[in-house]
Amino acid sequence: MNVQRLRSFFPVTRELAYLNHAGVAPISTRAEEALRRYAQEATRHGALHYDAVYDAEVERVRDRAALLLGARREEIAFVKNTTEGLGLVAAGLDWRSGDQVVTCDLEYPSNVHPWQALRAQGVETILLRGEAGRLPIGRVAEALESRRVRLLALSSVEFGSGARNDLDALGGLCRERGVLFCVDAIQSLGCLPLRPEASGVDFLAADGHKWLLSVEGCGIFYCRRGLLDRLRPRIVGWRNVADNRDFDTYQSELQESAVRFEEGTPNTPGIFALGGALDLILELGIDAIAARVLGLTDLLADGLAERGATVLSPRAPGETSGIVSFRWGDEAPERTAARLRRAGVFCVARRGGVRASPHFYNEEAEIAGLLAALD
């Protein structure tokens, strides 16, 4: 991986060491070029070439998203954000009073609120307690012993601690017990390998503005092919019906693919940007990206430990991710993060620590700069 070449795609590197890809990431010139291509078409031709340009790119990007996930194109829908994808599951299943959803107190609110909102339908949300930034899998196994559990909802990587959940093991537990498995993948998609079908994941959602290096407001939703008919769209409009180009006939039959979850006009410029971002990630290869990112986080975690910082992120094999959370002595995390930003290193405070999250184009000198700024 030619890091210097890749850095030329990210003008942000001229301004600062950007270590906040777990937040809102900068976009690359590849995504910028895709947005410019959309804008030029819209400016010069409007909708004259709608099918040949806009629709064609939407379907091309759907294929690219499917390739990244090792999924079928008919299992992929575009959503506004991760929250909408998780909301499709919460609103679309045929819940029964007495059902339970199991999640965790380490989760981002987007993966808790939709399930808690089901209490009006008699659905109970079980909030398992995390331990040292991770969720012990034995705790999950014990919770899934209840026959009332209908769905397990967890993140692939916890947003605060950076702990990577073992999706293969969790998916195996769900299959054994007939429990549906829904994953918030925003903290790993574009950074770590993820194959939902192989891991036993039934539903997955991820916005594009973090590790995928795209814009806000456009993300990916995956629904396993065999569950499409079990998940009813919460909104039905012109686009998610079977023959959505017949504007003269009112119909109720839904699309056979995940397009059934796209009720209206898609975020076409967002999909263009996402396409440019996905092209870059697929060109580099997700395995190479993961190796690069994990190497940088190892370097950072080791350097922090050597300087006496408290590393909060789990660092055991299989638990590491693109996130390293730490505390610097008794200094408040917000103060540490602000001090780093003044030194040109962009990190944020989350869940009682300073969260640093490098991507493949960051270089070792930027990690060294963070450590030096702490001193």
Protein backbone atom coordinates (compact mmCIF):
# COMPACT_ATOMS: atom_id res chain seq x y z
CA MET A 1 0.00 0.00 0.00
CA ASN A 2 1.55 3.27 -1.17
CA VAL A 3 0.57 5.54 1.71
CA GLN A 4 2.09 8.69 0.19
CA ARG A 5 0.05 8.21 -2.98
CA LEU A 6 -3.09 7.60 -0.95
CA ARG A 7 -2.49 10.73 1.10
CA SER A 8 -2.73 12.75 -2.11
CA PHE A 9 -6.38 11.66 -2.28
CA PHE A 10 -7.05 13.28 1.11
CA PRO A 11 -6.31 17.03 1.12
CA VAL A 12 -7.19 17.10 4.82
CA THR A 13 -3.67 15.75 5.43
CA ARG A 14 -2.29 19.19 4.47
CA GLU A 15 -4.14 20.73 7.40
CA LEU A 16 -3.99 18.30 10.31
CA ALA A 17 -3.57 14.73 11.52
CA TYR A 18 -7.14 13.52 11.15
CA LEU A 19 -7.73 10.71 13.67
CA ASN A 20 -11.51 10.84 13.95
CA HIS A 21 -12.77 8.35 11.38
CA ALA A 22 -15.04 6.85 14.03
CA GLY A 23 -16.82 10.23 13.95
CA VAL A 24 -17.35 12.11 10.70
CA ALA A 25 -14.52 11.34 8.28
CA PRO A 26 -13.14 13.57 5.55
CA ILE A 27 -14.00 12.52 2.02
CA SER A 28 -11.40 11.73 -0.60
CA THR A 29 -10.91 13.40 -3.94
CA ARG A 30 -12.45 10.25 -5.43
CA ALA A 31 -15.73 10.96 -3.65
CA GLU A 32 -15.38 14.64 -4.50
CA GLU A 33 -14.99 13.80 -8.19
CA ALA A 34 -18.12 11.64 -8.07
CA LEU A 35 -20.08 14.49 -6.51
CA ARG A 36 -18.76 16.85 -9.18
CA ARG A 37 -19.84 14.40 -11.88
CA TYR A 38 -23.35 14.37 -10.44
CA ALA A 39 -23.44 18.16 -10.18
CA GLN A 40 -22.23 18.62 -13.75
CA GLU A 41 -24.89 16.27 -15.10
CA ALA A 42 -27.63 17.95 -13.05
CA THR A 43 -26.44 21.41 -14.11
CA ARG A 44 -26.03 20.72 -17.81
CA HIS A 45 -28.76 18.21 -18.57
CA GLY A 46 -31.16 18.03 -15.62
CA ALA A 47 -33.11 14.78 -15.94
CA LEU A 48 -32.56 14.31 -19.69
CA HIS A 49 -30.31 11.27 -19.16
CA TYR A 50 -31.89 10.13 -15.90
CA ASP A 51 -31.98 6.41 -16.70
CA ALA A 52 -28.59 6.26 -18.37
CA VAL A 53 -26.75 8.32 -15.72
CA TYR A 54 -28.57 8.53 -12.39
CA ASP A 55 -30.37 5.18 -12.30
CA ALA A 56 -27.37 3.41 -13.79
CA GLU A 57 -25.03 4.78 -11.10
CA VAL A 58 -27.45 3.90 -8.28
CA GLU A 59 -27.49 0.28 -9.45
CA ARG A 60 -23.73 0.20 -10.04
CA VAL A 61 -23.12 1.39 -6.47
CA ARG A 62 -25.59 -1.21 -5.19
CA ASP A 63 -23.41 -3.84 -6.85
CA ARG A 64 -20.28 -2.35 -5.25
CA ALA A 65 -21.87 -2.38 -1.80
CA ALA A 66 -22.92 -6.00 -2.30
CA LEU A 67 -19.37 -6.89 -3.33
CA LEU A 68 -17.92 -5.32 -0.18
CA LEU A 69 -20.31 -7.34 1.97
CA GLY A 70 -20.11 -10.55 -0.03
CA ALA A 71 -23.88 -10.24 -0.44
CA ARG A 72 -26.37 -10.38 -3.29
CA ARG A 73 -27.41 -7.11 -4.88
CA GLU A 74 -31.06 -7.85 -4.09
CA GLU A 75 -30.16 -7.81 -0.38
CA ILE A 76 -28.92 -4.20 -0.47
CA ALA A 77 -30.97 -1.04 0.03
CA PHE A 78 -29.85 2.57 0.37
CA VAL A 79 -30.86 4.39 3.53
CA LYS A 80 -30.31 7.88 4.93
CA ASN A 81 -28.25 6.62 7.86
CA THR A 82 -27.64 3.74 10.24
CA THR A 83 -30.58 4.80 12.38
CA GLU A 84 -32.98 4.44 9.47
CA GLY A 85 -31.67 0.96 8.72
CA LEU A 86 -32.10 -0.19 12.31
CA GLY A 87 -35.50 1.49 12.36
CA LEU A 88 -36.59 -0.56 9.34
CA VAL A 89 -36.05 -3.69 11.43
CA ALA A 90 -37.70 -2.29 14.55
CA ALA A 91 -40.74 -1.07 12.63
CA GLY A 92 -40.96 -3.92 10.14
CA LEU A 93 -41.02 -7.15 12.16
CA ASP A 94 -44.29 -8.66 13.39
CA TRP A 95 -43.63 -8.16 17.08
CA ARG A 96 -45.74 -9.92 19.68
CA SER A 97 -46.36 -8.79 23.21
CA GLY A 98 -43.82 -10.52 25.45
CA ASP A 99 -41.03 -10.54 22.85
CA GLN A 100 -37.58 -9.48 24.00
CA VAL A 101 -34.72 -7.67 22.25
CA VAL A 102 -31.23 -8.10 23.69
CA THR A 103 -28.68 -5.31 23.33
CA CYS A 104 -25.95 -3.76 25.50
CA ASP A 105 -25.15 -0.64 27.52
CA LEU A 106 -22.03 -0.05 25.39
CA GLU A 107 -24.11 0.68 22.30
CA TYR A 108 -24.55 3.99 20.53
CA PRO A 109 -28.09 5.34 21.20
CA SER A 110 -29.18 4.52 17.62
CA ASN A 111 -29.02 0.83 18.53
CA VAL A 112 -30.99 1.20 21.76
CA HIS A 113 -33.75 3.77 21.21
CA PRO A 114 -35.53 1.91 18.35
CA TRP A 115 -35.89 -1.21 20.49
CA GLN A 116 -36.95 0.64 23.64
CA ALA A 117 -39.61 2.42 21.59
CA LEU A 118 -41.28 -0.97 21.05
CA ARG A 119 -42.40 -1.08 24.68
CA ALA A 120 -45.80 0.24 23.56
CA GLN A 121 -46.21 -3.07 21.69
CA GLY A 122 -45.28 -5.08 24.77
CA VAL A 123 -41.70 -5.71 23.65
CA GLU A 124 -39.03 -5.68 26.38
CA THR A 125 -35.47 -4.46 25.75
CA ILE A 126 -32.80 -6.30 27.74
CA LEU A 127 -29.75 -4.05 28.22
CA LEU A 128 -26.81 -6.30 29.03
CA ARG A 129 -24.01 -4.81 31.09
CA GLY A 130 -20.62 -4.41 29.44
CA GLU A 131 -17.42 -5.08 31.31
CA ALA A 132 -14.15 -3.18 30.78
CA GLY A 133 -15.42 -1.85 27.46
CA ARG A 134 -16.46 -5.23 26.07
CA LEU A 135 -19.54 -7.45 26.20
CA PRO A 136 -18.63 -10.95 27.45
CA ILE A 137 -20.10 -13.47 25.03
CA GLY A 138 -21.11 -15.71 27.93
CA ARG A 139 -23.44 -12.94 29.07
CA VAL A 140 -25.07 -12.95 25.65
CA ALA A 141 -25.39 -16.74 25.62
CA GLU A 142 -27.11 -16.67 28.99
CA ALA A 143 -29.56 -13.97 27.87
CA LEU A 144 -30.44 -15.90 24.71
CA GLU A 145 -31.54 -18.88 26.79
CA SER A 146 -34.88 -17.12 27.22
CA ARG A 147 -37.40 -18.32 24.65
CA ARG A 148 -38.86 -14.83 24.62
CA VAL A 149 -35.79 -13.35 22.91
CA ARG A 150 -36.67 -12.48 19.33
CA LEU A 151 -33.67 -10.45 18.26
CA LEU A 152 -30.08 -9.65 19.26
CA ALA A 153 -28.97 -6.11 18.33
CA LEU A 154 -25.27 -5.27 18.68
CA SER A 155 -22.55 -3.28 16.97
CA SER A 156 -19.71 -4.89 15.07
CA VAL A 157 -17.40 -2.51 16.98
CA GLU A 158 -18.42 -0.55 20.07
CA PHE A 159 -18.20 3.18 19.39
CA GLY A 160 -16.70 4.21 22.73
CA SER A 161 -14.23 1.51 23.64
CA GLY A 162 -13.48 0.15 20.17
CA ALA A 163 -14.10 -3.42 21.29
CA ARG A 164 -14.75 -5.68 18.30
CA ASN A 165 -17.57 -8.14 18.84
CA ASP A 166 -17.13 -11.70 17.56
CA LEU A 167 -19.89 -11.71 14.95
CA ASP A 168 -19.22 -15.31 13.94
CA ALA A 169 -19.69 -16.55 17.51
CA LEU A 170 -22.69 -14.32 18.13
CA GLY A 171 -24.29 -15.34 14.85
CA GLY A 172 -23.75 -18.98 15.78
CA LEU A 173 -25.55 -18.46 19.10
CA CYS A 174 -28.45 -16.80 17.29
CA ARG A 175 -28.76 -19.60 14.75
CA GLU A 176 -28.74 -22.25 17.49
CA ARG A 177 -31.57 -20.50 19.32
CA GLY A 178 -33.62 -19.24 16.37
CA VAL A 179 -32.92 -15.59 17.24
CA LEU A 180 -32.63 -12.86 14.62
CA PHE A 181 -29.32 -10.96 14.54
CA CYS A 182 -29.19 -7.25 13.69
CA VAL A 183 -25.82 -5.46 13.45
CA ASP A 184 -24.90 -1.79 13.54
CA ALA A 185 -21.80 -1.98 11.33
CA ILE A 186 -20.91 1.70 11.07
CA GLN A 187 -17.73 1.34 13.14
CA SER A 188 -16.23 -1.39 10.97
CA LEU A 189 -17.60 -1.25 7.41
CA GLY A 190 -14.81 0.11 5.25
CA CYS A 191 -12.16 -0.71 7.84
CA LEU A 192 -12.51 -4.39 8.76
CA PRO A 193 -13.73 -7.43 6.78
CA LEU A 194 -17.42 -8.16 7.29
CA ARG A 195 -19.46 -10.91 5.61
CA PRO A 196 -22.99 -10.89 7.06
CA GLU A 197 -24.17 -14.17 5.54
CA ALA A 198 -21.08 -16.08 6.66
CA SER A 199 -21.39 -14.63 10.18
CA GLY A 200 -25.10 -15.38 10.51
CA VAL A 201 -26.14 -11.73 10.43
CA ASP A 202 -29.72 -11.19 9.31
CA PHE A 203 -29.85 -7.39 9.14
CA LEU A 204 -27.06 -4.82 8.92
CA ALA A 205 -26.94 -1.04 8.65
CA ALA A 206 -24.08 1.43 8.21
CA ASP A 207 -23.91 5.05 7.15
CA GLY A 208 -21.16 6.08 4.74
CA HIS A 209 -19.64 8.99 6.62
CA LYS A 210 -17.23 7.13 8.90
CA TRP A 211 -14.87 4.36 7.75
CA LEU A 212 -16.37 4.26 4.27
CA LEU A 213 -15.06 7.83 3.78
CA SER A 214 -18.19 9.14 2.11
CA VAL A 215 -20.72 11.87 2.87
CA GLU A 216 -23.35 12.04 5.58
CA GLY A 217 -26.94 11.15 4.77
CA CYS A 218 -26.39 8.04 2.66
CA GLY A 219 -25.82 4.53 3.94
CA ILE A 220 -26.31 0.83 3.29
CA PHE A 221 -28.93 -1.57 4.64
CA TYR A 222 -28.57 -5.33 4.26
CA CYS A 223 -31.48 -7.75 4.67
CA ARG A 224 -30.85 -11.46 4.23
CA ARG A 225 -32.71 -12.67 1.16
CA GLY A 226 -34.83 -15.19 3.04
CA LEU A 227 -36.14 -12.49 5.40
CA LEU A 228 -37.30 -9.91 2.88
CA ASP A 229 -40.91 -11.04 3.13
CA ARG A 230 -40.80 -11.01 6.95
CA LEU A 231 -39.77 -7.36 7.11
CA ARG A 232 -42.54 -5.01 6.08
CA PRO A 233 -41.53 -1.50 4.93
CA ARG A 234 -42.62 1.16 7.38
CA ILE A 235 -43.46 3.51 4.51
CA VAL A 236 -44.83 2.48 1.12
CA GLY A 237 -44.38 4.89 -1.78
CA TRP A 238 -43.88 4.92 -5.51
CA ARG A 239 -40.41 3.36 -5.54
CA ASN A 240 -40.80 0.27 -3.40
CA VAL A 241 -43.72 -1.22 -5.35
CA ALA A 242 -43.20 -3.93 -7.94
CA ASP A 243 -43.53 -1.94 -11.18
CA ASN A 244 -42.30 1.42 -9.98
CA ARG A 245 -42.12 2.96 -13.46
CA ASP A 246 -45.84 2.53 -14.04
CA PHE A 247 -47.07 5.83 -12.62
CA ASP A 248 -50.62 5.32 -13.86
CA THR A 249 -51.46 2.20 -11.87
CA TYR A 250 -51.86 2.15 -8.10
CA GLN A 251 -50.49 -1.12 -6.77
CA SER A 252 -49.62 -2.70 -3.46
CA GLU A 253 -47.27 -5.51 -4.48
CA LEU A 254 -43.77 -4.81 -3.23
CA GLN A 255 -40.42 -5.17 -4.96
CA GLU A 256 -38.96 -8.65 -4.55
CA SER A 257 -35.58 -7.17 -3.61
CA ALA A 258 -34.41 -4.83 -0.85
CA VAL A 259 -35.52 -1.92 -3.04
CA ARG A 260 -38.81 -2.50 -1.21
CA PHE A 261 -37.23 -0.45 1.62
CA GLU A 262 -36.56 2.55 -0.64
CA GLU A 263 -39.91 4.25 -0.60
CA GLY A 264 -39.12 7.33 -2.69
CA THR A 265 -36.48 9.21 -4.62
CA PRO A 266 -33.04 8.12 -3.37
CA ASN A 267 -30.25 10.44 -2.23
CA THR A 268 -28.67 10.32 -5.66
CA PRO A 269 -25.73 12.70 -5.01
CA GLY A 270 -25.00 10.81 -1.80
CA ILE A 271 -24.99 7.53 -3.72
CA PHE A 272 -22.61 9.01 -6.30
CA ALA A 273 -20.22 9.98 -3.48
CA LEU A 274 -20.61 6.58 -1.84
CA GLY A 275 -19.75 4.96 -5.16
CA GLY A 276 -16.50 6.89 -5.42
CA ALA A 277 -15.63 5.96 -1.86
CA LEU A 278 -16.46 2.28 -2.34
CA ASP A 279 -14.41 2.14 -5.52
CA LEU A 280 -11.33 3.29 -3.60
CA ILE A 281 -11.88 0.83 -0.74
CA LEU A 282 -12.45 -2.10 -3.11
CA GLU A 283 -9.42 -1.09 -5.17
CA LEU A 284 -7.21 -1.23 -2.07
CA GLY A 285 -8.84 -4.37 -0.66
CA ILE A 286 -10.47 -4.59 2.75
CA ASP A 287 -7.89 -7.07 4.09
CA ALA A 288 -5.04 -4.69 3.26
CA ILE A 289 -6.95 -1.79 4.80
CA ALA A 290 -7.59 -3.77 7.99
CA ALA A 291 -3.93 -4.74 8.29
CA ARG A 292 -2.88 -1.13 7.87
CA VAL A 293 -5.39 0.26 10.36
CA LEU A 294 -4.72 -2.39 13.01
CA GLY A 295 -0.99 -1.78 12.63
CA LEU A 296 -1.51 1.91 13.33
CA THR A 297 -3.71 1.28 16.36
CA ASP A 298 -1.16 -1.20 17.73
CA LEU A 299 1.52 1.46 17.34
CA LEU A 300 -0.64 4.02 19.12
CA ALA A 301 -1.71 1.71 21.96
CA ASP A 302 1.90 0.64 22.59
CA GLY A 303 3.12 4.24 22.57
CA LEU A 304 0.40 5.31 24.99
CA ALA A 305 1.20 2.46 27.38
CA GLU A 306 4.90 3.33 27.29
CA ARG A 307 4.07 6.89 28.35
CA GLY A 308 1.88 5.80 31.24
CA ALA A 309 -1.48 6.58 29.65
CA THR A 310 -4.43 4.36 30.51
CA VAL A 311 -5.53 2.47 27.40
CA LEU A 312 -9.27 1.79 27.76
CA SER A 313 -9.79 -0.17 24.54
CA PRO A 314 -9.61 -3.98 24.79
CA ARG A 315 -6.39 -5.11 23.12
CA ALA A 316 -6.68 -8.90 23.18
CA PRO A 317 -6.41 -10.74 19.84
CA GLY A 318 -9.65 -10.49 17.91
CA GLU A 319 -10.93 -7.57 20.00
CA THR A 320 -8.98 -4.72 18.41
CA SER A 321 -10.42 -2.34 15.84
CA GLY A 322 -9.71 1.07 14.34
CA ILE A 323 -10.50 2.76 17.66
CA VAL A 324 -8.12 3.38 20.55
CA SER A 325 -9.63 5.02 23.63
CA PHE A 326 -7.36 6.30 26.40
CA ARG A 327 -6.99 8.64 29.35
CA TRP A 328 -3.99 10.85 30.00
CA GLY A 329 -3.37 10.81 33.75
CA ASP A 330 -6.01 12.75 35.65
CA GLU A 331 -6.69 15.15 32.79
CA ALA A 332 -10.33 15.30 31.70
CA PRO A 333 -10.72 13.64 28.27
CA GLU A 334 -12.39 16.75 26.88
CA ARG A 335 -9.36 18.81 27.91
CA THR A 336 -6.91 16.31 26.44
CA ALA A 337 -8.82 16.21 23.14
CA ALA A 338 -8.93 19.99 22.97
CA ARG A 339 -5.19 20.20 23.65
CA LEU A 340 -4.51 17.68 20.85
CA ARG A 341 -6.65 19.65 18.42
CA ARG A 342 -4.67 22.80 19.16
CA ALA A 343 -1.58 20.78 18.24
CA GLY A 344 -3.16 19.79 14.91
CA VAL A 345 -4.30 16.31 15.94
CA PHE A 346 -8.05 15.72 15.66
CA CYS A 347 -9.42 13.28 18.26
CA VAL A 348 -12.61 13.48 20.33
CA ALA A 349 -13.77 12.62 23.85
CA ARG A 350 -16.19 9.71 24.09
CA ARG A 351 -17.40 7.50 26.93
CA GLY A 352 -14.88 8.70 29.49
CA GLY A 353 -11.82 8.60 27.22
CA VAL A 354 -10.08 10.25 24.30
CA ARG A 355 -10.95 8.36 21.14
CA ALA A 356 -8.42 8.17 18.32
CA SER A 357 -9.36 6.40 15.10
CA PRO A 358 -6.81 6.39 12.24
CA HIS A 359 -7.50 5.12 8.73
CA PHE A 360 -5.28 3.61 6.04
CA TYR A 361 -3.93 6.92 4.71
CA ASN A 362 -2.69 8.10 8.12
CA GLU A 363 1.03 7.67 8.64
CA GLU A 364 3.20 6.64 11.54
CA ALA A 365 4.49 10.19 11.91
CA GLU A 366 0.97 11.32 12.80
CA ILE A 367 0.79 8.73 15.57
CA ALA A 368 4.14 9.99 16.81
CA GLY A 369 2.76 13.55 16.65
CA LEU A 370 -0.17 12.60 18.89
CA LEU A 371 2.17 11.05 21.45
CA ALA A 372 4.50 14.04 21.35
CA ALA A 373 1.57 16.44 21.79
CA LEU A 374 0.55 14.57 24.95
CA ASP A 375 4.02 15.04 26.41
